[in-house]
């Protein structure tokens, strides 16, 4: 069965695309990470305000027609910075993502896809929560 993130979300299933950096990179270049998140936030708002133009621009990268790109883009839930904070948290506040990752890992253990899963604190410590001002 082929589906999309919007339909999965209606069923309570979270999907996502993440940028991952090492702890060393995060410690040395926090401003680069914040700038990247800021650009992504601007991109989400641009898409929300100009979906057809966004699809036209992205179609070149995807190798799809602008119409196919727009159809694909409409199947994705686009989270701006405010919504991302709900998942990643912020300094001193834990977001939902650590629990979602832990639940996913526990499920994978039950399915015998992985031998074990870290505890929740491991996921909480791994998420960089200083992205949002």
Foldseek 3Di string as FASTA:
>chain_A
DDAFQQVVVVVVDHDDDDDDDDPVCCVVCVVVVLVVLVVLLVLLVCCVVCVLVNLCVCCVVVVHHSVVSSVRVVRDDRDHPVRVCQALPAVPGHHVVLVSVQVVQVVCCVVVVDVDGDDSVVSNVRRDRHNDD
